[in-house]
Amino acid sequence: MIAIKNLKEVLLALGFEGKSVFTKSYEVGARIEVDFTKKSITYTPLDTDFKEGEYPSLDKPSKGFIIHRNTTTNFKSNENFVCLVAVHKLLEKGYKPEHIILEPSFKVGHKPQVYSDILVLNQKFENLVLIENKTYGSEFSKEWNNMLKNGGQLFSYYAVNKTPYLCLLAFENGNKYEMRLISMQDNSDHLEHINSTLKKEDNKRGFNDPANTNATSYFEVWKETYSTASTTKGLFETDIEAYKIGKEKYKISDLSVVSKDQIASIYHEFATILRHHSIGNHENSFYSSPNPPFHPKPL
């Protein structure tokens, strides 16, 4: 987990320079400053023209980072360091500061405004990916379990601010991270396949179905139509271009060693999918399974 005690070490590994004030400049015209005396994190250039709930567009583009609330620009929470590393990774990848909004605010029903962590826009200032940061380990696992149970925070945000991708993210250090990337774009081939043998009244919904009205209904689509599909890659890898999310082809280098606990979790998820689709022959299921529910395609 990234905390104050190891933050300097993480920053140096990421290419920051300094002693009490660490800075790094990026080719996209951005700069991050981390001040250990003031316990502050500064992102520049900053566009202060956009207040809470206001978003840029092609007609009114932003000129730098937009920050709807400043609670991620200090040392008060370890999640702020996850946000720091995530923004660093985005800038190094080639995302421009004017396409990054920190703590974007959303109105959810009659409740007060809620805040997510990072909203990334495409070059047309349209939503691209919404990132929710958690500290590495138990907090990440807890929120992922919440998402599998009811959609968690990200689906409640999605219901009021549609985004092609949702991402749950945690960094252990400057390079090692856990991520769950969910495509919220319908796979027409998959929808046609699973509905081909069902009665019309039993058809599975897609994300674009007008019957979806709230976070619960979108979660039901993810669970029942797409079997809670997600990927752990597709945002920061070297072969992923900025503004093009998702991996079309996987390589040997994408493989990694997994622990017994991870294997047990994967087995449980796959067994759940088999039960959901009434597949009884588990031994041969890999050979007889239909096409995967989705593949996160670059936009």
Protein backbone atom coordinates (compact mmCIF):
# COMPACT_ATOMS: atom_id res chain seq x y z
CA MET A 1 0.00 0.00 0.00
CA ILE A 2 1.21 3.52 -0.75
CA ALA A 3 1.34 5.64 2.41
CA ILE A 4 3.25 8.71 3.61
CA LYS A 5 6.08 6.52 4.91
CA ASN A 6 6.93 5.14 1.46
CA LEU A 7 5.58 7.93 -0.77
CA LYS A 8 9.01 9.49 -1.45
CA GLU A 9 10.35 6.12 -2.53
CA VAL A 10 7.39 5.65 -4.88
CA LEU A 11 7.80 9.14 -6.36
CA LEU A 12 11.51 8.63 -7.03
CA ALA A 13 10.76 5.33 -8.75
CA LEU A 14 8.25 7.16 -10.98
CA GLY A 15 10.83 9.75 -12.03
CA PHE A 16 9.93 12.62 -9.70
CA GLU A 17 12.79 14.82 -8.50
CA GLY A 18 13.27 16.70 -5.25
CA LYS A 19 13.77 16.35 -1.51
CA SER A 20 10.92 17.99 0.37
CA VAL A 21 9.13 19.14 -2.80
CA PHE A 22 8.93 16.54 -5.56
CA THR A 23 8.02 17.55 -9.11
CA LYS A 24 7.58 15.94 -12.49
CA SER A 25 6.74 17.50 -15.85
CA TYR A 26 5.10 15.64 -18.73
CA GLU A 27 5.25 15.91 -22.51
CA VAL A 28 1.51 16.66 -22.62
CA GLY A 29 2.14 19.99 -20.88
CA ALA A 30 1.22 18.95 -17.36
CA ARG A 31 3.09 19.07 -14.07
CA ILE A 32 2.60 17.42 -10.69
CA GLU A 33 4.10 18.82 -7.48
CA VAL A 34 4.10 16.93 -4.18
CA ASP A 35 5.05 19.11 -1.20
CA PHE A 36 5.89 17.16 1.96
CA THR A 37 6.10 20.32 4.07
CA LYS A 38 2.66 21.59 3.11
CA LYS A 39 1.38 18.03 2.65
CA SER A 40 -0.16 19.04 -0.66
CA ILE A 41 -0.46 17.64 -4.19
CA THR A 42 -0.72 20.19 -7.00
CA TYR A 43 -1.81 19.41 -10.54
CA THR A 44 -1.13 22.01 -13.24
CA PRO A 45 -2.38 23.53 -15.44
CA LEU A 46 -5.64 23.92 -13.52
CA ASP A 47 -8.83 25.25 -15.09
CA THR A 48 -10.96 26.90 -12.40
CA ASP A 49 -13.75 27.98 -14.76
CA PHE A 50 -15.66 24.72 -14.22
CA LYS A 51 -17.43 24.53 -10.87
CA GLU A 52 -19.02 21.47 -9.23
CA GLY A 53 -21.26 19.64 -11.66
CA GLU A 54 -19.95 21.58 -14.69
CA TYR A 55 -18.22 19.73 -17.50
CA PRO A 56 -16.34 20.84 -20.62
CA SER A 57 -17.44 20.24 -24.21
CA LEU A 58 -16.22 20.94 -27.73
CA ASP A 59 -18.09 24.24 -27.57
CA LYS A 60 -16.59 25.05 -24.18
CA PRO A 61 -13.32 23.10 -23.85
CA SER A 62 -11.23 23.06 -20.70
CA LYS A 63 -7.66 24.35 -20.60
CA GLY A 64 -6.31 22.08 -17.89
CA PHE A 65 -7.24 19.78 -15.01
CA ILE A 66 -10.70 20.27 -13.57
CA ILE A 67 -11.06 19.64 -9.83
CA HIS A 68 -14.63 19.69 -8.51
CA ARG A 69 -13.51 19.21 -4.91
CA ASN A 70 -10.05 19.47 -3.36
CA THR A 71 -10.07 16.55 -0.92
CA THR A 72 -7.68 14.49 -3.11
CA THR A 73 -4.95 17.16 -3.16
CA ASN A 74 -3.64 16.56 0.37
CA PHE A 75 -2.05 13.80 2.47
CA LYS A 76 -5.13 13.05 4.60
CA SER A 77 -6.00 9.76 2.89
CA ASN A 78 -3.90 7.02 1.34
CA GLU A 79 -6.43 6.89 -1.49
CA ASN A 80 -5.11 10.30 -2.54
CA PHE A 81 -1.76 8.67 -3.31
CA VAL A 82 -3.53 6.11 -5.49
CA CYS A 83 -5.12 9.04 -7.33
CA LEU A 84 -1.69 10.67 -7.67
CA VAL A 85 -0.11 7.59 -9.25
CA ALA A 86 -3.13 7.04 -11.49
CA VAL A 87 -2.94 10.61 -12.84
CA HIS A 88 0.81 10.17 -13.35
CA LYS A 89 0.20 7.00 -15.36
CA LEU A 90 -2.47 8.70 -17.46
CA LEU A 91 -0.20 11.66 -18.25
CA GLU A 92 2.72 9.41 -19.12
CA LYS A 93 0.43 7.40 -21.38
CA GLY A 94 -0.41 10.59 -23.28
CA TYR A 95 -3.73 11.74 -21.83
CA LYS A 96 -3.88 15.54 -21.74
CA PRO A 97 -4.67 17.41 -18.50
CA GLU A 98 -7.73 19.08 -20.05
CA HIS A 99 -9.28 15.62 -20.38
CA ILE A 100 -8.87 14.69 -16.69
CA ILE A 101 -11.41 15.65 -14.01
CA LEU A 102 -10.59 14.95 -10.36
CA GLU A 103 -13.46 14.25 -7.97
CA PRO A 104 -16.19 14.74 -10.57
CA SER A 105 -19.50 15.47 -8.88
CA PHE A 106 -22.80 13.79 -9.73
CA LYS A 107 -26.36 14.28 -8.55
CA VAL A 108 -27.94 10.96 -7.49
CA GLY A 109 -31.70 11.25 -7.05
CA HIS A 110 -32.72 13.54 -4.19
CA LYS A 111 -29.46 12.95 -2.33
CA PRO A 112 -26.67 15.54 -2.03
CA GLN A 113 -24.03 15.51 -4.74
CA VAL A 114 -21.67 12.54 -4.69
CA TYR A 115 -18.09 12.47 -5.87
CA SER A 116 -16.12 9.87 -7.75
CA ASP A 117 -12.32 9.96 -8.08
CA ILE A 118 -11.23 10.42 -11.71
CA LEU A 119 -13.24 10.98 -14.88
CA VAL A 120 -11.25 10.75 -18.11
CA LEU A 121 -12.65 12.31 -21.28
CA ASN A 122 -11.82 11.62 -24.92
CA GLN A 123 -10.56 14.25 -27.39
CA LYS A 124 -14.16 15.35 -28.02
CA PHE A 125 -14.66 15.99 -24.29
CA GLU A 126 -17.01 13.02 -24.02
CA ASN A 127 -16.88 10.58 -21.11
CA LEU A 128 -14.38 7.76 -21.63
CA VAL A 129 -13.64 6.02 -18.33
CA LEU A 130 -14.67 6.61 -14.71
CA ILE A 131 -12.04 5.48 -12.19
CA GLU A 132 -12.72 4.71 -8.54
CA ASN A 133 -9.55 4.53 -6.42
CA LYS A 134 -9.09 2.23 -3.44
CA THR A 135 -6.09 1.39 -1.32
CA TYR A 136 -4.36 -1.83 -2.29
CA GLY A 137 -5.48 -5.03 -0.58
CA SER A 138 -8.55 -5.35 1.62
CA GLU A 139 -10.24 -2.07 0.62
CA PHE A 140 -9.97 -2.93 -3.06
CA SER A 141 -11.28 -6.45 -2.44
CA LYS A 142 -14.12 -5.13 -0.29
CA GLU A 143 -15.34 -2.73 -2.99
CA TRP A 144 -14.97 -5.35 -5.73
CA ASN A 145 -17.11 -7.72 -3.68
CA ASN A 146 -19.66 -4.91 -3.29
CA MET A 147 -19.70 -4.47 -7.04
CA LEU A 148 -20.30 -8.18 -7.58
CA LYS A 149 -23.12 -8.02 -5.04
CA ASN A 150 -24.96 -4.84 -6.06
CA GLY A 151 -22.82 -2.77 -8.43
CA GLY A 152 -21.09 -0.75 -5.74
CA GLN A 153 -20.23 2.92 -6.07
CA LEU A 154 -19.34 2.85 -9.75
CA PHE A 155 -22.75 1.63 -10.93
CA SER A 156 -24.53 4.30 -8.86
CA TYR A 157 -22.38 6.91 -10.61
CA TYR A 158 -22.94 5.31 -14.00
CA ALA A 159 -26.71 5.52 -13.60
CA VAL A 160 -26.51 9.33 -13.60
CA ASN A 161 -23.43 9.85 -15.79
CA LYS A 162 -23.01 7.27 -18.56
CA THR A 163 -19.43 6.25 -19.32
CA PRO A 164 -18.14 3.65 -21.82
CA TYR A 165 -15.85 2.12 -19.18
CA LEU A 166 -15.84 1.75 -15.40
CA CYS A 167 -12.59 1.04 -13.57
CA LEU A 168 -11.86 0.01 -9.99
CA LEU A 169 -8.17 0.69 -9.30
CA ALA A 170 -5.57 0.27 -6.55
CA PHE A 171 -1.77 0.67 -6.54
CA GLU A 172 0.51 -1.21 -4.18
CA ASN A 173 3.47 0.88 -5.36
CA GLY A 174 4.41 2.84 -8.47
CA ASN A 175 4.01 -0.13 -10.78
CA LYS A 176 2.08 -2.99 -9.20
CA TYR A 177 -1.66 -2.52 -9.25
CA GLU A 178 -5.02 -4.25 -9.12
CA MET A 179 -7.67 -3.24 -11.61
CA ARG A 180 -11.12 -4.29 -12.71
CA LEU A 181 -12.13 -2.73 -16.01
CA ILE A 182 -15.75 -3.08 -17.10
CA SER A 183 -17.05 -2.27 -20.57
CA MET A 184 -20.49 -0.68 -20.47
CA GLN A 185 -20.86 -0.99 -24.23
CA ASP A 186 -23.23 -3.63 -25.53
CA ASN A 187 -21.93 -6.59 -27.53
CA SER A 188 -24.62 -7.09 -30.18
CA ASP A 189 -23.31 -10.53 -31.19
CA HIS A 190 -23.51 -11.76 -27.61
CA LEU A 191 -27.00 -10.33 -27.12
CA GLU A 192 -28.21 -12.00 -30.31
CA HIS A 193 -26.64 -15.31 -29.29
CA ILE A 194 -28.07 -15.53 -25.76
CA ASN A 195 -31.52 -14.33 -26.82
CA SER A 196 -31.79 -16.60 -29.87
CA THR A 197 -33.32 -19.46 -27.84
CA LEU A 198 -35.37 -17.35 -25.41
CA LYS A 199 -38.94 -16.16 -25.62
CA LYS A 200 -39.24 -12.45 -26.30
CA GLU A 201 -40.52 -11.76 -22.80
CA ASP A 202 -37.47 -13.59 -21.38
CA ASN A 203 -34.87 -11.78 -23.50
CA LYS A 204 -31.81 -10.49 -21.68
CA ARG A 205 -31.43 -6.72 -21.67
CA GLY A 206 -28.42 -4.76 -22.87
CA PHE A 207 -26.99 -1.64 -21.26
CA ASN A 208 -28.71 0.51 -23.89
CA ASP A 209 -32.15 -0.93 -23.19
CA PRO A 210 -34.56 1.94 -22.30
CA ALA A 211 -35.99 -0.26 -19.52
CA ASN A 212 -32.86 0.48 -17.48
CA THR A 213 -33.65 3.37 -15.16
CA ASN A 214 -31.31 3.12 -12.17
CA ALA A 215 -28.13 1.56 -10.79
CA THR A 216 -29.93 -1.68 -9.93
CA SER A 217 -31.16 -2.23 -13.48
CA TYR A 218 -27.73 -1.57 -14.98
CA PHE A 219 -26.18 -3.94 -12.46
CA GLU A 220 -28.73 -6.60 -13.44
CA VAL A 221 -27.60 -6.27 -17.07
CA TRP A 222 -23.96 -6.66 -16.06
CA LYS A 223 -24.79 -9.68 -13.90
CA GLU A 224 -27.44 -11.50 -15.93
CA THR A 225 -26.47 -10.61 -19.51
CA TYR A 226 -22.70 -10.26 -19.21
CA SER A 227 -21.99 -12.55 -16.23
CA THR A 228 -20.18 -9.74 -14.35
CA ALA A 229 -17.48 -9.72 -17.03
CA SER A 230 -14.39 -7.59 -16.41
CA THR A 231 -10.71 -7.49 -17.32
CA THR A 232 -7.59 -6.75 -15.32
CA LYS A 233 -5.74 -5.09 -18.22
CA GLY A 234 -6.45 -2.52 -20.89
CA LEU A 235 -5.54 0.91 -19.50
CA PHE A 236 -1.88 1.32 -18.51
CA GLU A 237 -0.02 -1.41 -20.44
CA THR A 238 2.74 -0.32 -22.83
CA ASP A 239 0.85 -1.57 -25.89
CA ILE A 240 -2.27 0.43 -25.00
CA GLU A 241 -2.52 3.86 -26.62
CA ALA A 242 -4.00 6.89 -24.90
CA TYR A 243 -7.74 7.24 -25.48
CA LYS A 244 -7.96 3.63 -26.73
CA ILE A 245 -9.05 1.44 -23.84
CA GLY A 246 -9.05 -2.35 -23.88
CA LYS A 247 -6.79 -5.08 -25.24
CA GLU A 248 -7.77 -6.78 -28.49
CA LYS A 249 -4.96 -9.33 -28.33
CA TYR A 250 -3.18 -10.79 -25.34
CA LYS A 251 0.49 -11.80 -25.34
CA ILE A 252 2.71 -14.09 -23.28
CA SER A 253 3.96 -10.96 -21.49
CA ASP A 254 0.42 -10.38 -20.21
CA LEU A 255 0.59 -13.60 -18.18
CA SER A 256 1.46 -13.40 -14.50
CA VAL A 257 1.82 -15.80 -11.59
CA VAL A 258 -1.31 -16.03 -9.46
CA SER A 259 -1.64 -17.13 -5.85
CA LYS A 260 -3.75 -20.03 -4.57
CA ASP A 261 -6.30 -17.54 -3.25
CA GLN A 262 -6.56 -15.91 -6.68
CA ILE A 263 -6.97 -19.31 -8.34
CA ALA A 264 -9.75 -20.20 -5.91
CA SER A 265 -11.48 -16.90 -6.65
CA ILE A 266 -11.21 -17.42 -10.42
CA TYR A 267 -12.51 -20.99 -10.09
CA HIS A 268 -15.48 -19.76 -8.04
CA GLU A 269 -16.31 -17.05 -10.60
CA PHE A 270 -16.09 -19.50 -13.51
CA ALA A 271 -18.20 -22.09 -11.67
CA THR A 272 -20.81 -19.40 -11.03
CA ILE A 273 -20.91 -18.59 -14.74
CA LEU A 274 -21.32 -22.29 -15.59
CA ARG A 275 -24.23 -22.63 -13.17
CA HIS A 276 -25.78 -19.44 -14.50
CA HIS A 277 -25.78 -20.88 -18.02
CA SER A 278 -26.75 -24.41 -16.89
CA ILE A 279 -23.52 -25.98 -18.18
CA GLY A 280 -23.12 -29.31 -16.42
CA ASN A 281 -20.06 -30.76 -18.14
CA HIS A 282 -17.45 -28.70 -16.32
CA GLU A 283 -14.47 -30.70 -17.62
CA ASN A 284 -15.17 -29.81 -21.25
CA SER A 285 -16.78 -26.43 -20.67
CA PHE A 286 -13.81 -24.46 -22.02
CA TYR A 287 -14.25 -26.24 -25.35
CA SER A 288 -18.02 -25.88 -25.51
CA SER A 289 -18.49 -22.42 -24.04
CA PRO A 290 -20.06 -19.80 -26.29
CA ASN A 291 -18.23 -16.65 -27.27
CA PRO A 292 -17.25 -14.52 -24.28
CA PRO A 293 -19.85 -11.93 -23.31
CA PHE A 294 -17.75 -8.98 -24.32
CA HIS A 295 -14.32 -7.86 -25.38
CA PRO A 296 -13.40 -4.31 -24.39
CA LYS A 297 -12.69 -2.81 -27.80
CA PRO A 298 -10.77 0.42 -28.29
CA LEU A 299 -12.97 3.36 -29.18
